[in-house]
């Protein structure tokens, strides 16, 4: 089980590859995870937004988790495997968290309930009941997707719950992070790729970053430099990643990432499940030009 003190560094939110038929492509998935493990990442996130969680069934999640744990075991690197289990139903989230625990998940990533816009008290109880399952919980606050912004006081109360070990902060600014760091709460992981380096400087413990699927080693270097207090060098290196981050989010995530990985030969196909669709020809060309100097 993942512990609070170990929630740091680069947690890679893996993509979910599909064949052109839209069936799971577990062979490409295994290759994708093996490639990530060539770098000194600190953990893996299965079934996050980057993994197209809205269109992946729980039966498919189970297959992905088992393959992930097999690859991790064979690598000899004892990396934690975190599974996305959050929904906008507390009962569903609790059930999925129980199932993730049975699959051997080291922790779960639980998003703020989306769409139904519950009151702050309901959100706290949602996390309380999920944490009561006994699998460590990483809360996930991303207001622009959920339609609900938690107050700093609510987030502190969530983080005070036994079993909640930290939070992924995708609020789009340093405001929440600064309040949490000042209050001395549990670890905060950056969820806004473009803010990664500055959030490390403000006290974030690491990041869950979709862009780290590409140029993974450089993202790890940025974290390591910041962890050593070398923020000037970290910022200089991170500046080299900014154009990539901007292009990878120019169209809906994870479509650009899938396209790049397919071009690199890691994925057989850049297929997505509707309503997600492939990137434009224009962005393909821009990514080709941007990544040409880094061609494998």
Protein backbone atom coordinates (compact mmCIF):
# COMPACT_ATOMS: atom_id res chain seq x y z
CA UNK A 1 0.00 0.00 0.00
CA UNK A 2 1.19 3.50 -0.85
CA UNK A 3 1.98 5.67 2.13
CA UNK A 4 1.83 9.43 2.51
CA UNK A 5 5.61 9.77 2.85
CA UNK A 6 6.12 8.05 -0.52
CA UNK A 7 3.71 10.23 -2.48
CA UNK A 8 6.29 12.26 -4.40
CA UNK A 9 7.91 12.47 -7.81
CA UNK A 10 6.52 11.69 -11.25
CA UNK A 11 3.41 9.53 -11.36
CA UNK A 12 2.77 8.58 -14.97
CA UNK A 13 -0.92 8.48 -16.01
CA UNK A 14 -0.78 5.70 -18.59
CA UNK A 15 -2.85 5.77 -21.76
CA UNK A 16 -5.23 2.96 -22.78
CA UNK A 17 -4.35 1.68 -26.28
CA UNK A 18 -7.06 0.41 -28.59
CA UNK A 19 -6.87 -1.56 -31.81
CA UNK A 20 -8.59 -0.01 -34.87
CA UNK A 21 -11.57 -2.19 -33.88
CA UNK A 22 -11.61 -0.25 -30.54
CA UNK A 23 -10.80 -3.40 -28.56
CA UNK A 24 -8.12 -3.18 -25.88
CA UNK A 25 -4.60 -3.54 -27.26
CA UNK A 26 -2.83 -5.18 -24.34
CA UNK A 27 0.33 -5.85 -26.34
CA UNK A 28 0.82 -2.14 -27.02
CA UNK A 29 -0.15 -1.38 -23.44
CA UNK A 30 2.57 -3.68 -22.11
CA UNK A 31 5.11 -2.03 -24.40
CA UNK A 32 3.95 1.42 -23.24
CA UNK A 33 4.39 0.56 -19.55
CA UNK A 34 7.76 -1.10 -20.18
CA UNK A 35 8.95 2.07 -21.95
CA UNK A 36 7.88 4.23 -18.99
CA UNK A 37 9.71 1.97 -16.57
CA UNK A 38 12.97 2.63 -18.43
CA UNK A 39 12.93 5.95 -16.61
CA UNK A 40 13.06 6.69 -12.90
CA UNK A 41 9.38 7.45 -12.49
CA UNK A 42 7.83 7.07 -9.05
CA UNK A 43 4.46 5.48 -9.80
CA UNK A 44 1.82 4.62 -12.39
CA UNK A 45 -1.79 5.78 -12.66
CA UNK A 46 -4.17 3.36 -14.40
CA UNK A 47 -7.64 4.47 -15.56
CA UNK A 48 -7.17 8.20 -15.20
CA UNK A 49 -8.48 10.82 -17.60
CA UNK A 50 -5.43 10.27 -19.81
CA UNK A 51 -6.42 6.59 -19.86
CA UNK A 52 -9.86 7.54 -21.27
CA UNK A 53 -11.58 6.35 -18.12
CA UNK A 54 -15.08 7.49 -19.21
CA UNK A 55 -15.11 4.89 -22.00
CA UNK A 56 -13.24 2.01 -20.35
CA UNK A 57 -15.28 -0.69 -18.59
CA UNK A 58 -14.30 -2.00 -15.18
CA UNK A 59 -13.57 -5.42 -16.71
CA UNK A 60 -11.06 -3.71 -18.98
CA UNK A 61 -9.60 -1.77 -16.05
CA UNK A 62 -9.00 -5.09 -14.29
CA UNK A 63 -7.08 -6.38 -17.32
CA UNK A 64 -4.97 -3.23 -17.45
CA UNK A 65 -4.15 -3.40 -13.74
CA UNK A 66 -3.08 -7.04 -13.96
CA UNK A 67 -0.81 -6.34 -16.94
CA UNK A 68 0.62 -3.28 -15.17
CA UNK A 69 1.42 -5.21 -12.02
CA UNK A 70 3.00 -7.99 -14.08
CA UNK A 71 5.26 -5.55 -15.93
CA UNK A 72 6.21 -3.81 -12.68
CA UNK A 73 6.97 -7.15 -11.01
CA UNK A 74 9.18 -8.31 -13.88
CA UNK A 75 11.01 -4.96 -13.95
CA UNK A 76 12.26 -5.39 -10.40
CA UNK A 77 11.17 -1.83 -9.60
CA UNK A 78 8.68 -1.80 -6.69
CA UNK A 79 6.61 1.06 -8.09
CA UNK A 80 3.13 1.77 -6.73
CA UNK A 81 0.18 1.19 -9.05
CA UNK A 82 -2.65 3.67 -8.48
CA UNK A 83 -6.08 3.02 -9.98
CA UNK A 84 -8.66 5.65 -10.86
CA UNK A 85 -11.92 4.67 -9.13
CA UNK A 86 -13.75 7.98 -8.70
CA UNK A 87 -17.24 8.50 -10.10
CA UNK A 88 -20.08 10.88 -9.26
CA UNK A 89 -21.80 8.16 -7.24
CA UNK A 90 -20.44 7.38 -3.79
CA UNK A 91 -21.74 3.81 -3.89
CA UNK A 92 -20.07 3.21 -7.25
CA UNK A 93 -16.81 4.78 -6.10
CA UNK A 94 -16.76 2.66 -2.95
CA UNK A 95 -17.42 -0.51 -4.96
CA UNK A 96 -14.73 0.28 -7.51
CA UNK A 97 -12.28 1.06 -4.72
CA UNK A 98 -13.03 -2.32 -3.13
CA UNK A 99 -12.45 -4.02 -6.48
CA UNK A 100 -9.21 -2.10 -7.01
CA UNK A 101 -8.02 -3.28 -3.62
CA UNK A 102 -8.78 -6.87 -4.60
CA UNK A 103 -6.69 -6.38 -7.76
CA UNK A 104 -3.74 -5.27 -5.64
CA UNK A 105 -3.88 -1.51 -6.19
CA UNK A 106 -1.46 0.36 -3.95
CA UNK A 107 -3.79 3.38 -3.86
CA UNK A 108 -6.75 4.85 -5.70
CA UNK A 109 -7.23 8.22 -7.39
CA UNK A 110 -10.66 9.64 -6.59
CA UNK A 111 -11.94 12.69 -8.43
CA UNK A 112 -14.30 15.22 -6.89
CA UNK A 113 -17.82 14.04 -7.86
CA UNK A 114 -18.68 15.61 -11.20
CA UNK A 115 -21.82 16.85 -12.95
CA UNK A 116 -24.28 16.47 -10.05
CA UNK A 117 -22.53 19.34 -8.17
CA UNK A 118 -22.98 18.08 -4.58
CA UNK A 119 -22.61 20.39 -1.57
CA UNK A 120 -19.21 20.60 0.13
CA UNK A 121 -20.44 18.47 3.04
CA UNK A 122 -21.51 15.75 0.61
CA UNK A 123 -18.05 15.73 -0.98
CA UNK A 124 -16.38 15.29 2.41
CA UNK A 125 -18.67 12.35 3.20
CA UNK A 126 -17.99 10.91 -0.28
CA UNK A 127 -14.26 10.82 0.47
CA UNK A 128 -14.83 9.58 4.02
CA UNK A 129 -16.79 6.54 2.86
CA UNK A 130 -14.29 5.82 0.10
CA UNK A 131 -11.35 6.05 2.49
CA UNK A 132 -13.14 3.70 4.90
CA UNK A 133 -12.61 0.89 2.35
CA UNK A 134 -9.00 0.71 3.49
CA UNK A 135 -7.19 1.41 0.21
CA UNK A 136 -5.14 4.65 0.38
CA UNK A 137 -6.91 7.51 -1.40
CA UNK A 138 -5.41 10.32 -3.47
CA UNK A 139 -8.06 13.00 -3.87
CA UNK A 140 -8.31 14.72 -7.25
CA UNK A 141 -9.57 18.29 -7.57
CA UNK A 142 -10.16 19.47 -11.16
CA UNK A 143 -12.94 22.06 -11.22
CA UNK A 144 -12.95 22.72 -14.97
CA UNK A 145 -13.96 19.08 -15.56
CA UNK A 146 -16.20 18.48 -12.54
CA UNK A 147 -18.17 21.72 -12.56
CA UNK A 148 -17.54 22.11 -8.82
CA UNK A 149 -14.76 23.95 -7.02
CA UNK A 150 -13.96 22.86 -3.48
CA UNK A 151 -13.08 25.47 -0.89
CA UNK A 152 -9.66 25.29 0.70
CA UNK A 153 -11.38 24.44 4.00
CA UNK A 154 -13.17 21.49 2.37
CA UNK A 155 -9.93 20.21 0.85
CA UNK A 156 -8.22 20.46 4.25
CA UNK A 157 -11.04 18.44 5.83
CA UNK A 158 -10.74 15.82 3.09
CA UNK A 159 -6.99 15.61 3.63
CA UNK A 160 -7.53 15.27 7.38
CA UNK A 161 -9.44 12.03 6.81
CA UNK A 162 -7.69 8.82 7.79
CA UNK A 163 -6.81 6.96 4.63
CA UNK A 164 -6.53 10.03 2.38
CA UNK A 165 -2.80 10.37 1.69
CA UNK A 166 -2.66 13.41 -0.59
CA UNK A 167 -4.24 15.31 -3.46
CA UNK A 168 -3.78 15.92 -7.17
CA UNK A 169 -4.26 19.64 -7.68
CA UNK A 170 -5.56 20.57 -11.14
CA UNK A 171 -7.14 23.87 -10.13
CA UNK A 172 -5.08 25.90 -12.60
CA UNK A 173 -3.22 28.12 -10.13
CA UNK A 174 -1.03 28.07 -7.00
CA UNK A 175 -3.79 29.37 -4.76
CA UNK A 176 -4.94 26.06 -3.27
CA UNK A 177 -1.39 24.70 -3.10
CA UNK A 178 -0.17 27.76 -1.21
CA UNK A 179 -2.96 27.42 1.36
CA UNK A 180 -2.31 23.71 1.84
CA UNK A 181 1.45 24.11 2.16
CA UNK A 182 0.99 26.92 4.68
CA UNK A 183 -1.36 24.70 6.68
CA UNK A 184 1.16 21.83 6.60
CA UNK A 185 -1.24 19.31 5.10
CA UNK A 186 -0.52 16.10 3.19
CA UNK A 187 1.39 15.93 -0.14
CA UNK A 188 0.10 17.84 -3.14
CA UNK A 189 0.82 16.57 -6.66
CA UNK A 190 0.60 18.98 -9.58
CA UNK A 191 -2.03 18.01 -12.15
CA UNK A 192 -1.58 21.00 -14.47
CA UNK A 193 1.40 20.13 -16.66
CA UNK A 194 2.29 23.69 -17.63
CA UNK A 195 2.49 24.69 -13.93
CA UNK A 196 4.65 21.73 -12.89
CA UNK A 197 7.96 23.49 -12.26
CA UNK A 198 6.43 26.51 -10.55
CA UNK A 199 4.26 24.29 -8.35
CA UNK A 200 7.35 22.35 -7.28
CA UNK A 201 8.88 25.68 -6.29
CA UNK A 202 5.73 26.47 -4.28
CA UNK A 203 5.96 23.17 -2.38
CA UNK A 204 4.29 20.49 -4.49
CA UNK A 205 5.65 16.99 -3.88
CA UNK A 206 5.59 15.98 -7.56
CA UNK A 207 3.14 15.63 -10.38
CA UNK A 208 0.67 13.43 -12.23
CA UNK A 209 1.37 14.71 -15.72
CA UNK A 210 -0.09 13.53 -19.02
CA UNK A 211 2.79 15.12 -20.95
CA UNK A 212 5.25 12.89 -19.10
CA UNK A 213 4.16 10.05 -21.41
CA UNK A 214 6.46 11.81 -23.91
CA UNK A 215 10.03 12.83 -22.95
CA UNK A 216 9.52 11.04 -19.63
CA UNK A 217 13.16 11.22 -18.62
CA UNK A 218 13.24 15.01 -18.92
CA UNK A 219 10.22 15.39 -16.64
CA UNK A 220 11.96 13.16 -14.10
CA UNK A 221 15.09 15.32 -14.33
CA UNK A 222 13.06 18.46 -13.67
CA UNK A 223 11.63 16.88 -10.53
CA UNK A 224 15.03 15.64 -9.35
CA UNK A 225 16.64 19.04 -9.81
CA UNK A 226 13.83 20.73 -7.91
CA UNK A 227 13.98 18.13 -5.13
CA UNK A 228 17.66 18.97 -4.73
CA UNK A 229 16.81 22.68 -4.51
CA UNK A 230 18.28 23.49 -7.92
CA UNK A 231 15.27 25.47 -9.07
CA UNK A 232 17.16 27.62 -11.57
CA UNK A 233 18.37 24.54 -13.44
CA UNK A 234 14.95 22.91 -13.11
CA UNK A 235 13.27 25.96 -14.62
CA UNK A 236 15.77 26.10 -17.48
CA UNK A 237 15.19 22.43 -18.31
CA UNK A 238 11.44 22.74 -17.92
CA UNK A 239 11.43 25.64 -20.40
CA UNK A 240 12.55 23.14 -23.05
CA UNK A 241 9.39 21.11 -22.36
CA UNK A 242 6.92 23.99 -22.55
CA UNK A 243 6.44 23.90 -26.35
CA UNK A 244 5.75 20.14 -26.14
CA UNK A 245 3.24 20.58 -23.31
CA UNK A 246 1.46 23.30 -25.23
CA UNK A 247 1.15 21.14 -28.36
CA UNK A 248 0.02 18.07 -26.41
CA UNK A 249 -2.86 20.09 -24.97
CA UNK A 250 -3.68 22.02 -28.14
CA UNK A 251 -6.37 19.42 -28.83
CA UNK A 252 -8.15 17.15 -26.35
CA UNK A 253 -5.97 14.91 -24.18
CA UNK A 254 -4.97 12.11 -24.77
CA UNK A 255 -5.42 12.25 -28.57
CA UNK A 256 -2.11 14.06 -29.25
CA UNK A 257 -0.21 11.74 -26.91
CA UNK A 258 -1.65 8.65 -28.58
CA UNK A 259 -0.68 9.97 -31.98
CA UNK A 260 2.93 10.58 -30.86
CA UNK A 261 3.21 7.15 -29.24
CA UNK A 262 1.88 5.49 -32.38
CA UNK A 263 4.45 7.40 -34.46
CA UNK A 264 7.16 6.15 -32.10
CA UNK A 265 6.06 2.57 -32.65
CA UNK A 266 5.00 2.04 -29.04
CA UNK A 267 1.32 1.81 -29.99
CA UNK A 268 -0.05 -0.06 -32.98
CA UNK A 269 -2.76 2.57 -33.44
CA UNK A 270 -3.78 6.00 -32.17
CA UNK A 271 -7.42 4.86 -32.03
CA UNK A 272 -9.66 6.53 -29.46
CA UNK A 273 -13.20 5.70 -28.41
CA UNK A 274 -15.93 8.17 -29.26
CA UNK A 275 -16.68 10.85 -28.39
CA UNK A 276 -12.89 11.33 -28.49
CA UNK A 277 -11.49 11.62 -32.01
CA UNK A 278 -8.03 11.78 -33.66
CA UNK A 279 -6.02 14.96 -33.88
CA UNK A 280 -6.06 17.22 -36.91
CA UNK A 281 -3.59 16.95 -39.79
CA UNK A 282 -2.30 20.39 -38.84
CA UNK A 283 -1.38 19.35 -35.31
CA UNK A 284 0.21 16.15 -36.64
CA UNK A 285 2.56 18.24 -38.74
CA UNK A 286 3.35 20.60 -35.89
CA UNK A 287 4.18 17.68 -33.59
CA UNK A 288 6.36 16.07 -36.26
CA UNK A 289 8.40 19.24 -36.56
CA UNK A 290 8.62 19.74 -32.81
CA UNK A 291 9.72 16.19 -32.06
CA UNK A 292 12.05 15.71 -35.05
CA UNK A 293 15.18 16.54 -32.99
CA UNK A 294 14.18 13.86 -30.43
CA UNK A 295 13.37 11.11 -32.94
CA UNK A 296 14.08 7.68 -31.54
